[in-house]
PDB file of N, CA and C in Angstrom:
ATOM      1  N   MET A   1    -114.232  31.518 -29.238  1.00  0.00           N
ATOM      2  CA  MET A   1    -112.879  31.061 -29.494  1.00  0.00           C
ATOM      3  C   MET A   1    -112.782  29.557 -29.287  1.00  0.00           C
ATOM      4  N   ALA A   2    -111.963  28.926 -30.077  1.00  0.00           N
ATOM      5  CA  ALA A   2    -111.748  27.487 -29.951  1.00  0.00           C
ATOM      6  C   ALA A   2    -110.963  27.185 -28.681  1.00  0.00           C
ATOM      7  N   HIS A   3    -111.304  26.074 -28.052  1.00  0.00           N
ATOM      8  CA  HIS A   3    -110.612  25.717 -26.814  1.00  0.00           C
ATOM      9  C   HIS A   3    -109.491  24.718 -27.042  1.00  0.00           C
ATOM     10  N   SER A   4    -109.483  24.057 -28.187  1.00  0.00           N
ATOM     11  CA  SER A   4    -108.455  23.049 -28.438  1.00  0.00           C
ATOM     12  C   SER A   4    -107.832  23.264 -29.807  1.00  0.00           C
ATOM     13  N   ALA A   5    -107.346  24.443 -30.036  1.00  0.00           N
ATOM     14  CA  ALA A   5    -106.711  24.762 -31.316  1.00  0.00           C
ATOM     15  C   ALA A   5    -105.459  23.911 -31.482  1.00  0.00           C
ATOM     16  N   LYS A   6    -105.236  23.436 -32.692  1.00  0.00           N
ATOM     17  CA  LYS A   6    -104.044  22.628 -33.003  1.00  0.00           C
ATOM     18  C   LYS A   6    -102.951  23.554 -33.521  1.00  0.00           C
ATOM     19  N   LEU A   7    -102.264  24.189 -32.597  1.00  0.00           N
ATOM     20  CA  LEU A   7    -101.197  25.123 -32.961  1.00  0.00           C
ATOM     21  C   LEU A   7     -99.896  24.379 -33.203  1.00  0.00           C
ATOM     22  N   THR A   8     -99.144  24.863 -34.176  1.00  0.00           N
ATOM     23  CA  THR A   8     -97.815  24.295 -34.413  1.00  0.00           C
ATOM     24  C   THR A   8     -96.853  24.859 -33.360  1.00  0.00           C
ATOM     25  N   GLN A   9     -95.702  24.227 -33.239  1.00  0.00           N
ATOM     26  CA  GLN A   9     -94.701  24.731 -32.297  1.00  0.00           C
ATOM     27  C   GLN A   9     -94.256  26.139 -32.686  1.00  0.00           C
ATOM     28  N   ALA A  10     -94.152  26.411 -33.974  1.00  0.00           N
ATOM     29  CA  ALA A  10     -93.764  27.749 -34.433  1.00  0.00           C
ATOM     30  C   ALA A  10     -94.814  28.782 -34.025  1.00  0.00           C
ATOM     31  N   GLU A  11     -96.085  28.437 -34.144  1.00  0.00           N
ATOM     32  CA  GLU A  11     -97.154  29.357 -33.736  1.00  0.00           C
ATOM     33  C   GLU A  11     -97.127  29.597 -32.228  1.00  0.00           C
ATOM     34  N   ILE A  12     -96.881  28.552 -31.475  1.00  0.00           N
ATOM     35  CA  ILE A  12     -96.776  28.688 -30.016  1.00  0.00           C
ATOM     36  C   ILE A  12     -95.599  29.594 -29.653  1.00  0.00           C
ATOM     37  N   ASN A  13     -94.469  29.392 -30.315  1.00  0.00           N
ATOM     38  CA  ASN A  13     -93.293  30.229 -30.052  1.00  0.00           C
ATOM     39  C   ASN A  13     -93.600  31.697 -30.318  1.00  0.00           C
ATOM     40  N   VAL A  14     -94.308  31.970 -31.420  1.00  0.00           N
ATOM     41  CA  VAL A  14     -94.656  33.348 -31.757  1.00  0.00           C
ATOM     42  C   VAL A  14     -95.609  33.937 -30.707  1.00  0.00           C
ATOM     43  N   ILE A  15     -96.570  33.158 -30.252  1.00  0.00           N
ATOM     44  CA  ILE A  15     -97.484  33.645 -29.213  1.00  0.00           C
ATOM     45  C   ILE A  15     -96.708  33.970 -27.945  1.00  0.00           C
ATOM     46  N   GLN A  16     -95.750  33.127 -27.600  1.00  0.00           N
ATOM     47  CA  GLN A  16     -94.942  33.386 -26.405  1.00  0.00           C
ATOM     48  C   GLN A  16     -94.130  34.669 -26.569  1.00  0.00           C
ATOM     49  N   LEU A  17     -93.597  34.909 -27.752  1.00  0.00           N
ATOM     50  CA  LEU A  17     -92.868  36.157 -27.996  1.00  0.00           C
ATOM     51  C   LEU A  17     -93.821  37.345 -27.967  1.00  0.00           C
ATOM     52  N   LEU A  18     -95.025  37.160 -28.506  1.00  0.00           N
ATOM     53  CA  LEU A  18     -96.040  38.219 -28.450  1.00  0.00           C
ATOM     54  C   LEU A  18     -96.345  38.596 -27.000  1.00  0.00           C
ATOM     55  N   SER A  19     -96.352  37.595 -26.138  1.00  0.00           N
ATOM     56  CA  SER A  19     -96.685  37.856 -24.735  1.00  0.00           C
ATOM     57  C   SER A  19     -95.630  38.710 -24.041  1.00  0.00           C
ATOM     58  N   HIS A  20     -94.472  38.847 -24.670  1.00  0.00           N
ATOM     59  CA  HIS A  20     -93.417  39.727 -24.152  1.00  0.00           C
ATOM     60  C   HIS A  20     -93.491  41.105 -24.794  1.00  0.00           C
ATOM     61  N   GLY A  21     -94.532  41.320 -25.614  1.00  0.00           N
ATOM     62  CA  GLY A  21     -94.740  42.629 -26.225  1.00  0.00           C
ATOM     63  C   GLY A  21     -93.863  42.890 -27.430  1.00  0.00           C
ATOM     64  N   MET A  22     -93.356  41.834 -28.054  1.00  0.00           N
ATOM     65  CA  MET A  22     -92.429  42.012 -29.175  1.00  0.00           C
ATOM     66  C   MET A  22     -93.166  42.347 -30.464  1.00  0.00           C
ATOM     67  N   SER A  23     -92.540  43.170 -31.280  1.00  0.00           N
ATOM     68  CA  SER A  23     -93.060  43.501 -32.608  1.00  0.00           C
ATOM     69  C   SER A  23     -92.747  42.356 -33.562  1.00  0.00           C
ATOM     70  N   ASN A  24     -93.380  42.371 -34.739  1.00  0.00           N
ATOM     71  CA  ASN A  24     -93.080  41.354 -35.745  1.00  0.00           C
ATOM     72  C   ASN A  24     -91.601  41.374 -36.114  1.00  0.00           C
ATOM     73  N   LYS A  25     -91.036  42.570 -36.254  1.00  0.00           N
ATOM     74  CA  LYS A  25     -89.625  42.705 -36.611  1.00  0.00           C
ATOM     75  C   LYS A  25     -88.730  42.090 -35.536  1.00  0.00           C
ATOM     76  N   ALA A  26     -89.019  42.399 -34.280  1.00  0.00           N
ATOM     77  CA  ALA A  26     -88.215  41.854 -33.178  1.00  0.00           C
ATOM     78  C   ALA A  26     -88.355  40.338 -33.095  1.00  0.00           C
ATOM     79  N   MET A  27     -89.571  39.825 -33.314  1.00  0.00           N
ATOM     80  CA  MET A  27     -89.772  38.375 -33.293  1.00  0.00           C
ATOM     81  C   MET A  27     -89.013  37.714 -34.437  1.00  0.00           C
ATOM     82  N   ALA A  28     -89.012  38.336 -35.602  1.00  0.00           N
ATOM     83  CA  ALA A  28     -88.294  37.791 -36.755  1.00  0.00           C
ATOM     84  C   ALA A  28     -86.796  37.737 -36.476  1.00  0.00           C
ATOM     85  N   GLN A  29     -86.260  38.798 -35.890  1.00  0.00           N
ATOM     86  CA  GLN A  29     -84.830  38.823 -35.571  1.00  0.00           C
ATOM     87  C   GLN A  29     -84.489  37.766 -34.520  1.00  0.00           C
ATOM     88  N   THR A  30     -85.326  37.648 -33.504  1.00  0.00           N
ATOM     89  CA  THR A  30     -85.106  36.667 -32.440  1.00  0.00           C
ATOM     90  C   THR A  30     -85.175  35.243 -32.978  1.00  0.00           C
ATOM     91  N   SER A  31     -86.148  34.996 -33.850  1.00  0.00           N
ATOM     92  CA  SER A  31     -86.369  33.652 -34.388  1.00  0.00           C
ATOM     93  C   SER A  31     -85.535  33.344 -35.629  1.00  0.00           C
ATOM     94  N   MET A  32     -84.864  34.365 -36.141  1.00  0.00           N
ATOM     95  CA  MET A  32     -84.052  34.240 -37.351  1.00  0.00           C
ATOM     96  C   MET A  32     -84.876  33.746 -38.546  1.00  0.00           C
ATOM     97  N   VAL A  33     -86.052  34.359 -38.702  1.00  0.00           N
ATOM     98  CA  VAL A  33     -86.918  34.104 -39.855  1.00  0.00           C
ATOM     99  C   VAL A  33     -87.356  35.452 -40.402  1.00  0.00           C
ATOM    100  N   SER A  34     -88.064  35.442 -41.517  1.00  0.00           N
ATOM    101  CA  SER A  34     -88.518  36.707 -42.104  1.00  0.00           C
ATOM    102  C   SER A  34     -89.728  37.253 -41.360  1.00  0.00           C
ATOM    103  N   ILE A  35     -89.935  38.542 -41.509  1.00  0.00           N
ATOM    104  CA  ILE A  35     -91.115  39.180 -40.918  1.00  0.00           C
ATOM    105  C   ILE A  35     -92.373  38.538 -41.493  1.00  0.00           C
ATOM    106  N   ARG A  36     -92.353  38.222 -42.779  1.00  0.00           N
ATOM    107  CA  ARG A  36     -93.512  37.589 -43.419  1.00  0.00           C
ATOM    108  C   ARG A  36     -93.829  36.246 -42.771  1.00  0.00           C
ATOM    109  N   THR A  37     -92.809  35.484 -42.391  1.00  0.00           N
ATOM    110  CA  THR A  37     -93.031  34.204 -41.710  1.00  0.00           C
ATOM    111  C   THR A  37     -93.719  34.434 -40.372  1.00  0.00           C
ATOM    112  N   ILE A  38     -93.273  35.447 -39.638  1.00  0.00           N
ATOM    113  CA  ILE A  38     -93.904  35.786 -38.353  1.00  0.00           C
ATOM    114  C   ILE A  38     -95.354  36.175 -38.582  1.00  0.00           C
ATOM    115  N   GLU A  39     -95.595  37.029 -39.581  1.00  0.00           N
ATOM    116  CA  GLU A  39     -96.967  37.448 -39.890  1.00  0.00           C
ATOM    117  C   GLU A  39     -97.846  36.239 -40.201  1.00  0.00           C
ATOM    118  N   SER A  40     -97.272  35.279 -40.906  1.00  0.00           N
ATOM    119  CA  SER A  40     -98.002  34.057 -41.254  1.00  0.00           C
ATOM    120  C   SER A  40     -98.359  33.258 -40.008  1.00  0.00           C
ATOM    121  N   HIS A  41     -97.398  33.097 -39.115  1.00  0.00           N
ATOM    122  CA  HIS A  41     -97.652  32.349 -37.878  1.00  0.00           C
ATOM    123  C   HIS A  41     -98.717  33.047 -37.029  1.00  0.00           C
ATOM    124  N   VAL A  42     -98.635  34.361 -36.923  1.00  0.00           N
ATOM    125  CA  VAL A  42     -99.635  35.109 -36.150  1.00  0.00           C
ATOM    126  C   VAL A  42    -101.005  34.931 -36.797  1.00  0.00           C
ATOM    127  N   SER A  43    -101.072  35.086 -38.093  1.00  0.00           N
ATOM    128  CA  SER A  43    -102.332  34.958 -38.821  1.00  0.00           C
ATOM    129  C   SER A  43    -102.943  33.570 -38.641  1.00  0.00           C
ATOM    130  N   HIS A  44    -102.130  32.535 -38.762  1.00  0.00           N
ATOM    131  CA  HIS A  44    -102.634  31.167 -38.591  1.00  0.00           C
ATOM    132  C   HIS A  44    -103.104  30.927 -37.158  1.00  0.00           C
ATOM    133  N   ALA A  45    -102.363  31.424 -36.192  1.00  0.00           N
ATOM    134  CA  ALA A  45    -102.758  31.249 -34.788  1.00  0.00           C
ATOM    135  C   ALA A  45    -104.078  31.976 -34.512  1.00  0.00           C
ATOM    136  N   LEU A  46    -104.230  33.173 -35.066  1.00  0.00           N
ATOM    137  CA  LEU A  46    -105.494  33.906 -34.901  1.00  0.00           C
ATOM    138  C   LEU A  46    -106.650  33.110 -35.503  1.00  0.00           C
ATOM    139  N   MET A  47    -106.442  32.582 -36.689  1.00  0.00           N
ATOM    140  CA  MET A  47    -107.487  31.834 -37.382  1.00  0.00           C
ATOM    141  C   MET A  47    -107.848  30.552 -36.615  1.00  0.00           C
ATOM    142  N   LYS A  48    -106.846  29.835 -36.149  1.00  0.00           N
ATOM    143  CA  LYS A  48    -107.083  28.564 -35.459  1.00  0.00           C
ATOM    144  C   LYS A  48    -107.781  28.754 -34.123  1.00  0.00           C
ATOM    145  N   THR A  49    -107.500  29.858 -33.441  1.00  0.00           N
ATOM    146  CA  THR A  49    -108.075  30.082 -32.108  1.00  0.00           C
ATOM    147  C   THR A  49    -109.373  30.873 -32.141  1.00  0.00           C
ATOM    148  N   GLY A  50    -109.627  31.551 -33.260  1.00  0.00           N
ATOM    149  CA  GLY A  50    -110.813  32.392 -33.344  1.00  0.00           C
ATOM    150  C   GLY A  50    -110.612  33.756 -32.714  1.00  0.00           C
ATOM    151  N   CYS A  51    -109.383  34.059 -32.324  1.00  0.00           N
ATOM    152  CA  CYS A  51    -109.083  35.368 -31.735  1.00  0.00           C
ATOM    153  C   CYS A  51    -109.102  36.435 -32.832  1.00  0.00           C
ATOM    154  N   ARG A  52    -109.412  37.666 -32.432  1.00  0.00           N
ATOM    155  CA  ARG A  52    -109.514  38.755 -33.403  1.00  0.00           C
ATOM    156  C   ARG A  52    -108.355  39.733 -33.342  1.00  0.00           C
ATOM    157  N   SER A  53    -107.493  39.600 -32.345  1.00  0.00           N
ATOM    158  CA  SER A  53    -106.363  40.521 -32.223  1.00  0.00           C
ATOM    159  C   SER A  53    -105.199  39.804 -31.558  1.00  0.00           C
ATOM    160  N   ARG A  54    -104.047  40.429 -31.663  1.00  0.00           N
ATOM    161  CA  ARG A  54    -102.849  39.874 -31.024  1.00  0.00           C
ATOM    162  C   ARG A  54    -103.016  39.830 -29.504  1.00  0.00           C
ATOM    163  N   LEU A  55    -103.609  40.870 -28.952  1.00  0.00           N
ATOM    164  CA  LEU A  55    -103.835  40.903 -27.503  1.00  0.00           C
ATOM    165  C   LEU A  55    -104.773  39.772 -27.090  1.00  0.00           C
ATOM    166  N   GLU A  56    -105.861  39.603 -27.826  1.00  0.00           N
ATOM    167  CA  GLU A  56    -106.794  38.530 -27.510  1.00  0.00           C
ATOM    168  C   GLU A  56    -106.100  37.169 -27.603  1.00  0.00           C
ATOM    169  N   LEU A  57    -105.198  37.015 -28.562  1.00  0.00           N
ATOM    170  CA  LEU A  57    -104.442  35.776 -28.723  1.00  0.00           C
ATOM    171  C   LEU A  57    -103.556  35.510 -27.511  1.00  0.00           C
ATOM    172  N   VAL A  58    -102.873  36.532 -27.033  1.00  0.00           N
ATOM    173  CA  VAL A  58    -102.013  36.376 -25.847  1.00  0.00           C
ATOM    174  C   VAL A  58    -102.860  36.028 -24.626  1.00  0.00           C
ATOM    175  N   LEU A  59    -103.989  36.695 -24.469  1.00  0.00           N
ATOM    176  CA  LEU A  59    -104.866  36.404 -23.331  1.00  0.00           C
ATOM    177  C   LEU A  59    -105.422  34.986 -23.425  1.00  0.00           C
ATOM    178  N   TRP A  60    -105.774  34.571 -24.637  1.00  0.00           N
ATOM    179  CA  TRP A  60    -106.246  33.201 -24.853  1.00  0.00           C
ATOM    180  C   TRP A  60    -105.156  32.204 -24.451  1.00  0.00           C
ATOM    181  N   TRP A  61    -103.923  32.475 -24.884  1.00  0.00           N
ATOM    182  CA  TRP A  61    -102.802  31.583 -24.564  1.00  0.00           C
ATOM    183  C   TRP A  61    -102.583  31.498 -23.060  1.00  0.00           C
ATOM    184  N   GLN A  62    -102.651  32.630 -22.394  1.00  0.00           N
ATOM    185  CA  GLN A  62    -102.462  32.609 -20.943  1.00  0.00           C
ATOM    186  C   GLN A  62    -103.555  31.792 -20.257  1.00  0.00           C
ATOM    187  N   LYS A  63    -104.771  31.908 -20.744  1.00  0.00           N
ATOM    188  CA  LYS A  63    -105.871  31.121 -20.181  1.00  0.00           C
ATOM    189  C   LYS A  63    -105.619  29.634 -20.398  1.00  0.00           C
ATOM    190  N   GLN A  64    -105.135  29.256 -21.582  1.00  0.00           N
ATOM    191  CA  GLN A  64    -104.845  27.854 -21.873  1.00  0.00           C
ATOM    192  C   GLN A  64    -103.727  27.323 -20.980  1.00  0.00           C
ATOM    193  N   THR A  65    -102.670  28.085 -20.823  1.00  0.00           N
ATOM    194  CA  THR A  65    -101.546  27.615 -20.001  1.00  0.00           C
ATOM    195  C   THR A  65    -101.924  27.578 -18.525  1.00  0.00           C
ATOM    196  N   ARG A  66    -102.777  28.492 -18.108  1.00  0.00           N
ATOM    197  CA  ARG A  66    -103.242  28.483 -16.716  1.00  0.00           C
ATOM    198  C   ARG A  66    -104.055  27.226 -16.460  1.00  0.00           C
ATOM    199  N   ALA A  67    -104.894  26.848 -17.417  1.00  0.00           N
ATOM    200  CA  ALA A  67    -105.721  25.652 -17.270  1.00  0.00           C
ATOM    201  C   ALA A  67    -104.853  24.393 -17.200  1.00  0.00           C
ATOM    202  N   LEU A  68    -103.761  24.372 -17.938  1.00  0.00           N
ATOM    203  CA  LEU A  68    -102.889  23.195 -17.958  1.00  0.00           C
ATOM    204  C   LEU A  68    -101.910  23.150 -16.796  1.00  0.00           C
ATOM    205  N   HIS A  69    -101.400  24.316 -16.400  1.00  0.00           N
ATOM    206  CA  HIS A  69    -100.310  24.361 -15.425  1.00  0.00           C
ATOM    207  C   HIS A  69    -100.677  25.049 -14.115  1.00  0.00           C
ATOM    208  N   GLY A  70    -101.882  25.535 -13.995  1.00  0.00           N
ATOM    209  CA  GLY A  70    -102.296  26.197 -12.768  1.00  0.00           C
ATOM    210  C   GLY A  70    -101.907  27.658 -12.686  1.00  0.00           C
ATOM    211  N   GLN A  71    -101.043  28.092 -13.569  1.00  0.00           N
ATOM    212  CA  GLN A  71    -100.642  29.498 -13.620  1.00  0.00           C
ATOM    213  C   GLN A  71    -100.131  29.792 -15.020  1.00  0.00           C
ATOM    214  N   PRO A  72    -100.215  31.037 -15.442  1.00  0.00           N
ATOM    215  CA  PRO A  72     -99.727  31.338 -16.790  1.00  0.00           C
ATOM    216  C   PRO A  72     -98.222  31.146 -16.886  1.00  0.00           C
ATOM    217  N   ILE A  73     -97.760  30.695 -18.064  1.00  0.00           N
ATOM    218  CA  ILE A  73     -96.330  30.509 -18.289  1.00  0.00           C
ATOM    219  C   ILE A  73     -95.651  31.857 -18.482  1.00  0.00           C
ATOM    220  N   SER A  74     -96.368  32.792 -19.079  1.00  0.00           N
ATOM    221  CA  SER A  74     -95.785  34.106 -19.333  1.00  0.00           C
ATOM    222  C   SER A  74     -96.653  35.182 -18.706  1.00  0.00           C
ATOM    223  N   LYS A  75     -96.068  36.331 -18.522  1.00  0.00           N
ATOM    224  CA  LYS A  75     -96.791  37.474 -17.981  1.00  0.00           C
ATOM    225  C   LYS A  75     -96.876  38.550 -19.049  1.00  0.00           C
ATOM    226  N   LEU A  76     -97.950  39.328 -19.008  1.00  0.00           N
ATOM    227  CA  LEU A  76     -98.074  40.446 -19.925  1.00  0.00           C
ATOM    228  C   LEU A  76     -97.066  41.521 -19.538  1.00  0.00           C
ATOM    229  N   PRO A  77     -96.492  42.200 -20.514  1.00  0.00           N
ATOM    230  CA  PRO A  77     -95.566  43.277 -20.176  1.00  0.00           C
ATOM    231  C   PRO A  77     -96.327  44.421 -19.506  1.00  0.00           C
ATOM    232  N   PRO A  78     -95.655  45.232 -18.700  1.00  0.00           N
ATOM    233  CA  PRO A  78     -96.337  46.344 -18.045  1.00  0.00           C
ATOM    234  C   PRO A  78     -96.871  47.330 -19.067  1.00  0.00           C
ATOM    235  N   MET A  79     -98.011  47.913 -18.760  1.00  0.00           N
ATOM    236  CA  MET A  79     -98.618  48.905 -19.632  1.00  0.00           C
ATOM    237  C   MET A  79     -97.892  50.237 -19.465  1.00  0.00           C
ATOM    238  N   PRO A  80     -97.732  50.983 -20.569  1.00  0.00           N
ATOM    239  CA  PRO A  80     -97.080  52.295 -20.452  1.00  0.00           C
ATOM    240  C   PRO A  80     -97.953  53.244 -19.630  1.00  0.00           C
ATOM    241  N   ALA A  81     -97.299  54.167 -18.970  1.00  0.00           N
ATOM    242  CA  ALA A  81     -98.015  55.117 -18.106  1.00  0.00           C
ATOM    243  C   ALA A  81     -98.736  56.157 -18.931  1.00  0.00           C
TER     244      ALA A  81
END
């Protein structure tokens, strides 16, 4: 995975919403954009970081924010029982 991906602010926003466990539909409603726009941002972020899944992307983001701020900015949602 790339360590210095040049993510846009929109891609970062989508990753942050992903870290809350949101679906594409929920992210689109929250961001007031189309689902296709969200899919595009996720796809571009995956490509830029070299991640292979949404989960890997969120984990990558947490690692990046931990390196910059000493702790992750967001937490993963609890896993279902």
